[in-house]
Amino acid sequence: MRVFVVDDSPTARRMLRLLLADRPGVDVVDEAVSAEDCLARVAGVAPDVVVMDWQMPGMNGAHATRELLARHPHIHVVGFTSSGSDGTRQAFLDAGASEVFAKEHALDLLDYLSGLRRAA
């Protein structure tokens, strides 16, 4: 499974990269600090999954998810946010994200990605 991580926090990106490095069959193919950066580069790395932060400079995660899926409908987008509000979760899902996880539940995200990998 090819994963693209989008988060403006270097700490969050590093944490995800380290956690995903221990998962067999999972490869972090790129990372971006903004939605715009992701949209410009995603086609060149052909990820299976984009893990998308909610709050970034420029467009938010829901808007970025909508734009990304309009261009690349085969990609799974998973929201990964420090905002635990139901509104944030629902906005991600309404935009087409397959699931949303709070950053404090990163292990749940890893389990979800493992399930996607097995289903593929």
Foldseek 3Di string as FASTA:
>chain_A
DEEEEEALDPVLVVVVQVVQVPDPPYDDQYYYNDLVRCVVCVVVRVGQEYEAEADGPDHGRLVSLLVVCVVPVRHAYEYEYCDPDPVSQVSNVVSPHPYYDYNVVVVVVVVVVVVVVVVD
